């Protein structure tokens, strides 16, 4: 096998978008925590203790939801296309890795579109196997990835 056949024609790392950084995460928690303590304390003092208790539960719910969102943000996918191999490595938030390999000449890139929303799903199939790709991407990122990935597959298939 020629070394140039294994040189990547296309390589991408797909990650979920998170609009709130670590600093923003802390600011949101401090502000909501302060509001919950203030109003919860007010209702506790005035004798409406169940309302104060629910302010604490609301804050706990917000904290858990934000932590789960950040945990899911650790998921990522690495996509690599060379003349001899198409590799899709999926990393779960827990760190587990699943790798899917395809022959790029037999691989088929499937894109499902909706008139209003654009690309709704993308997948790669070939040799009786398949996997979805970029399911966590926003619509604009799906469009740009699909265009680049489709171009890379076409480039590899043209060089016979």
C-alpha atoms as a PDB file:
ATOM      1  CA  UNK A   1       0.000   0.000   0.000  1.00  0.00           C
ATOM      2  CA  UNK A   2       1.329   3.394  -0.956  1.00  0.00           C
ATOM      3  CA  UNK A   3       1.829   5.812   1.942  1.00  0.00           C
ATOM      4  CA  UNK A   4      -0.026   8.554   0.033  1.00  0.00           C
ATOM      5  CA  UNK A   5      -3.167   6.380   0.002  1.00  0.00           C
ATOM      6  CA  UNK A   6      -3.454   6.699   3.777  1.00  0.00           C
ATOM      7  CA  UNK A   7      -2.964  10.471   3.858  1.00  0.00           C
ATOM      8  CA  UNK A   8      -6.229  12.117   4.942  1.00  0.00           C
ATOM      9  CA  UNK A   9      -8.123  13.945   2.230  1.00  0.00           C
ATOM     10  CA  UNK A  10     -10.599  15.186   4.832  1.00  0.00           C
ATOM     11  CA  UNK A  11     -10.500  15.316   8.620  1.00  0.00           C
ATOM     12  CA  UNK A  12     -13.025  16.926  10.941  1.00  0.00           C
ATOM     13  CA  UNK A  13     -13.843  16.923  14.636  1.00  0.00           C
ATOM     14  CA  UNK A  14     -17.539  17.470  15.327  1.00  0.00           C
ATOM     15  CA  UNK A  15     -18.516  18.832  18.732  1.00  0.00           C
ATOM     16  CA  UNK A  16     -21.852  20.024  20.120  1.00  0.00           C
ATOM     17  CA  UNK A  17     -22.253  23.770  20.419  1.00  0.00           C
ATOM     18  CA  UNK A  18     -22.592  25.172  23.922  1.00  0.00           C
ATOM     19  CA  UNK A  19     -23.502  28.856  24.080  1.00  0.00           C
ATOM     20  CA  UNK A  20     -22.728  29.197  27.778  1.00  0.00           C
ATOM     21  CA  UNK A  21     -19.073  28.986  28.812  1.00  0.00           C
ATOM     22  CA  UNK A  22     -17.745  28.098  32.271  1.00  0.00           C
ATOM     23  CA  UNK A  23     -17.817  31.726  33.383  1.00  0.00           C
ATOM     24  CA  UNK A  24     -21.386  32.124  32.132  1.00  0.00           C
ATOM     25  CA  UNK A  25     -22.321  28.900  33.927  1.00  0.00           C
ATOM     26  CA  UNK A  26     -21.018  30.319  37.215  1.00  0.00           C
ATOM     27  CA  UNK A  27     -22.684  33.701  36.670  1.00  0.00           C
ATOM     28  CA  UNK A  28     -26.068  32.076  35.958  1.00  0.00           C
ATOM     29  CA  UNK A  29     -25.788  29.907  39.070  1.00  0.00           C
ATOM     30  CA  UNK A  30     -24.702  32.800  41.305  1.00  0.00           C
ATOM     31  CA  UNK A  31     -27.487  35.080  40.057  1.00  0.00           C
ATOM     32  CA  UNK A  32     -30.237  32.454  40.260  1.00  0.00           C
ATOM     33  CA  UNK A  33     -28.883  31.216  43.580  1.00  0.00           C
ATOM     34  CA  UNK A  34     -28.975  34.744  44.986  1.00  0.00           C
ATOM     35  CA  UNK A  35     -32.526  35.298  43.750  1.00  0.00           C
ATOM     36  CA  UNK A  36     -33.671  31.942  45.144  1.00  0.00           C
ATOM     37  CA  UNK A  37     -32.054  32.620  48.529  1.00  0.00           C
ATOM     38  CA  UNK A  38     -33.530  36.131  48.693  1.00  0.00           C
ATOM     39  CA  UNK A  39     -37.094  35.182  47.774  1.00  0.00           C
ATOM     40  CA  UNK A  40     -36.934  31.804  49.490  1.00  0.00           C
ATOM     41  CA  UNK A  41     -35.777  33.516  52.674  1.00  0.00           C
ATOM     42  CA  UNK A  42     -38.538  36.103  52.359  1.00  0.00           C
ATOM     43  CA  UNK A  43     -41.206  33.414  52.082  1.00  0.00           C
ATOM     44  CA  UNK A  44     -39.683  31.395  54.927  1.00  0.00           C
ATOM     45  CA  UNK A  45     -39.742  34.474  57.197  1.00  0.00           C
ATOM     46  CA  UNK A  46     -43.319  35.330  56.289  1.00  0.00           C
ATOM     47  CA  UNK A  47     -44.434  31.797  57.120  1.00  0.00           C
ATOM     48  CA  UNK A  48     -44.908  30.474  53.591  1.00  0.00           C
ATOM     49  CA  UNK A  49     -42.189  27.857  54.062  1.00  0.00           C
ATOM     50  CA  UNK A  50     -43.364  25.527  51.239  1.00  0.00           C
ATOM     51  CA  UNK A  51     -42.680  28.296  48.703  1.00  0.00           C
ATOM     52  CA  UNK A  52     -39.174  28.793  50.120  1.00  0.00           C
ATOM     53  CA  UNK A  53     -38.611  25.030  49.882  1.00  0.00           C
ATOM     54  CA  UNK A  54     -39.668  25.037  46.219  1.00  0.00           C
ATOM     55  CA  UNK A  55     -37.242  27.866  45.443  1.00  0.00           C
ATOM     56  CA  UNK A  56     -34.494  25.544  46.665  1.00  0.00           C
ATOM     57  CA  UNK A  57     -35.813  22.718  44.493  1.00  0.00           C
ATOM     58  CA  UNK A  58     -35.959  25.040  41.482  1.00  0.00           C
ATOM     59  CA  UNK A  59     -32.323  25.978  41.974  1.00  0.00           C
ATOM     60  CA  UNK A  60     -31.317  22.336  42.374  1.00  0.00           C
ATOM     61  CA  UNK A  61     -33.214  21.462  39.180  1.00  0.00           C
ATOM     62  CA  UNK A  62     -31.460  24.242  37.255  1.00  0.00           C
ATOM     63  CA  UNK A  63     -28.063  23.120  38.539  1.00  0.00           C
ATOM     64  CA  UNK A  64     -28.690  19.494  37.545  1.00  0.00           C
ATOM     65  CA  UNK A  65     -29.969  20.495  34.087  1.00  0.00           C
ATOM     66  CA  UNK A  66     -26.921  22.685  33.395  1.00  0.00           C
ATOM     67  CA  UNK A  67     -24.525  19.980  34.608  1.00  0.00           C
ATOM     68  CA  UNK A  68     -26.199  17.399  32.356  1.00  0.00           C
ATOM     69  CA  UNK A  69     -25.984  19.807  29.418  1.00  0.00           C
ATOM     70  CA  UNK A  70     -22.267  20.316  29.968  1.00  0.00           C
ATOM     71  CA  UNK A  71     -21.709  16.588  30.355  1.00  0.00           C
ATOM     72  CA  UNK A  72     -23.431  15.891  27.036  1.00  0.00           C
ATOM     73  CA  UNK A  73     -21.252  18.601  25.499  1.00  0.00           C
ATOM     74  CA  UNK A  74     -18.208  16.350  25.962  1.00  0.00           C
ATOM     75  CA  UNK A  75     -19.454  14.058  23.194  1.00  0.00           C
ATOM     76  CA  UNK A  76     -17.617  14.389  19.897  1.00  0.00           C
ATOM     77  CA  UNK A  77     -17.016  12.665  16.608  1.00  0.00           C
ATOM     78  CA  UNK A  78     -13.835  12.450  14.545  1.00  0.00           C
ATOM     79  CA  UNK A  79     -14.290  11.892  10.827  1.00  0.00           C
ATOM     80  CA  UNK A  80     -11.348  11.031   8.588  1.00  0.00           C
ATOM     81  CA  UNK A  81     -11.382  10.209   4.881  1.00  0.00           C
ATOM     82  CA  UNK A  82      -8.406   8.841   2.958  1.00  0.00           C
ATOM     83  CA  UNK A  83      -8.189   6.888  -0.297  1.00  0.00           C
ATOM     84  CA  UNK A  84      -8.136   3.601   1.585  1.00  0.00           C
ATOM     85  CA  UNK A  85     -10.320   4.261   4.628  1.00  0.00           C
ATOM     86  CA  UNK A  86     -13.305   6.199   5.937  1.00  0.00           C
ATOM     87  CA  UNK A  87     -13.177   6.306   9.717  1.00  0.00           C
ATOM     88  CA  UNK A  88     -15.812   7.706  12.085  1.00  0.00           C
ATOM     89  CA  UNK A  89     -14.843   7.660  15.764  1.00  0.00           C
ATOM     90  CA  UNK A  90     -17.575   8.535  18.259  1.00  0.00           C
ATOM     91  CA  UNK A  91     -16.652   9.590  21.786  1.00  0.00           C
ATOM     92  CA  UNK A  92     -19.417   9.418  24.398  1.00  0.00           C
ATOM     93  CA  UNK A  93     -19.548  11.926  27.290  1.00  0.00           C
ATOM     94  CA  UNK A  94     -18.260   9.137  29.551  1.00  0.00           C
ATOM     95  CA  UNK A  95     -15.218   8.670  27.282  1.00  0.00           C
ATOM     96  CA  UNK A  96     -16.251   5.433  25.585  1.00  0.00           C
ATOM     97  CA  UNK A  97     -15.068   5.242  21.969  1.00  0.00           C
ATOM     98  CA  UNK A  98     -16.835   3.458  19.118  1.00  0.00           C
ATOM     99  CA  UNK A  99     -15.157   3.380  15.729  1.00  0.00           C
ATOM    100  CA  UNK A 100     -16.841   2.707  12.398  1.00  0.00           C
ATOM    101  CA  UNK A 101     -14.680   1.962   9.351  1.00  0.00           C
ATOM    102  CA  UNK A 102     -15.804   1.896   5.750  1.00  0.00           C
ATOM    103  CA  UNK A 103     -14.193   1.488   2.359  1.00  0.00           C
ATOM    104  CA  UNK A 104     -14.622   4.974   0.851  1.00  0.00           C
ATOM    105  CA  UNK A 105     -15.374   3.522  -2.589  1.00  0.00           C
ATOM    106  CA  UNK A 106     -18.351   1.567  -1.215  1.00  0.00           C
ATOM    107  CA  UNK A 107     -19.483   4.130   1.350  1.00  0.00           C
ATOM    108  CA  UNK A 108     -22.654   6.053   0.713  1.00  0.00           C
ATOM    109  CA  UNK A 109     -23.431   9.372   2.403  1.00  0.00           C
ATOM    110  CA  UNK A 110     -27.160   9.759   3.076  1.00  0.00           C
ATOM    111  CA  UNK A 111     -28.714  13.128   3.892  1.00  0.00           C
ATOM    112  CA  UNK A 112     -32.352  13.611   4.877  1.00  0.00           C
ATOM    113  CA  UNK A 113     -33.743  17.099   4.385  1.00  0.00           C
ATOM    114  CA  UNK A 114     -36.853  18.953   5.460  1.00  0.00           C
ATOM    115  CA  UNK A 115     -38.078  21.911   3.419  1.00  0.00           C
ATOM    116  CA  UNK A 116     -38.267  24.244   6.396  1.00  0.00           C
ATOM    117  CA  UNK A 117     -35.498  22.967   8.679  1.00  0.00           C
ATOM    118  CA  UNK A 118     -32.822  21.838   6.206  1.00  0.00           C
ATOM    119  CA  UNK A 119     -30.807  18.719   6.986  1.00  0.00           C
ATOM    120  CA  UNK A 120     -32.498  16.604   9.656  1.00  0.00           C
ATOM    121  CA  UNK A 121     -30.107  13.644   9.645  1.00  0.00           C
ATOM    122  CA  UNK A 122     -26.921  12.375   8.060  1.00  0.00           C
ATOM    123  CA  UNK A 123     -25.593   8.842   7.901  1.00  0.00           C
ATOM    124  CA  UNK A 124     -22.904   6.758   6.256  1.00  0.00           C
ATOM    125  CA  UNK A 125     -23.710   3.260   4.999  1.00  0.00           C
ATOM    126  CA  UNK A 126     -21.675   0.636   3.244  1.00  0.00           C
ATOM    127  CA  UNK A 127     -20.852  -3.049   3.254  1.00  0.00           C
ATOM    128  CA  UNK A 128     -24.105  -3.847   5.079  1.00  0.00           C
ATOM    129  CA  UNK A 129     -23.337  -1.502   7.983  1.00  0.00           C
ATOM    130  CA  UNK A 130     -24.178   2.089   8.789  1.00  0.00           C
ATOM    131  CA  UNK A 131     -23.950   4.838  11.364  1.00  0.00           C
ATOM    132  CA  UNK A 132     -25.442   8.265  11.884  1.00  0.00           C
ATOM    133  CA  UNK A 133     -23.127  11.228  11.894  1.00  0.00           C
ATOM    134  CA  UNK A 134     -23.298  14.738  13.358  1.00  0.00           C
ATOM    135  CA  UNK A 135     -26.674  14.247  15.043  1.00  0.00           C
ATOM    136  CA  UNK A 136     -25.866  16.935  17.637  1.00  0.00           C
ATOM    137  CA  UNK A 137     -24.897  19.623  15.119  1.00  0.00           C
ATOM    138  CA  UNK A 138     -27.035  22.696  14.504  1.00  0.00           C
ATOM    139  CA  UNK A 139     -28.583  23.143  11.012  1.00  0.00           C
ATOM    140  CA  UNK A 140     -25.894  25.519   9.686  1.00  0.00           C
ATOM    141  CA  UNK A 141     -23.075  23.235  10.826  1.00  0.00           C
ATOM    142  CA  UNK A 142     -24.840  20.225   9.296  1.00  0.00           C
ATOM    143  CA  UNK A 143     -25.043  22.039   5.956  1.00  0.00           C
ATOM    144  CA  UNK A 144     -21.363  23.010   5.912  1.00  0.00           C
ATOM    145  CA  UNK A 145     -20.216  19.575   7.091  1.00  0.00           C
ATOM    146  CA  UNK A 146     -22.408  17.779   4.536  1.00  0.00           C
ATOM    147  CA  UNK A 147     -21.010  19.903   1.701  1.00  0.00           C
ATOM    148  CA  UNK A 148     -17.378  19.357   2.741  1.00  0.00           C
ATOM    149  CA  UNK A 149     -17.806  15.636   3.475  1.00  0.00           C
ATOM    150  CA  UNK A 150     -19.643  14.986   0.210  1.00  0.00           C
ATOM    151  CA  UNK A 151     -16.860  16.804  -1.643  1.00  0.00           C
ATOM    152  CA  UNK A 152     -14.184  14.730   0.091  1.00  0.00           C
ATOM    153  CA  UNK A 153     -15.902  11.457  -0.811  1.00  0.00           C
ATOM    154  CA  UNK A 154     -16.281  12.598  -4.417  1.00  0.00           C
ATOM    155  CA  UNK A 155     -12.582  13.553  -4.558  1.00  0.00           C
ATOM    156  CA  UNK A 156     -11.509  10.147  -3.254  1.00  0.00           C
ATOM    157  CA  UNK A 157     -13.797   8.280  -5.648  1.00  0.00           C
ATOM    158  CA  UNK A 158     -12.587  10.298  -8.682  1.00  0.00           C
ATOM    159  CA  UNK A 159      -8.913   9.442  -8.170  1.00  0.00           C
ATOM    160  CA  UNK A 160      -8.879   5.945  -9.595  1.00  0.00           C
END
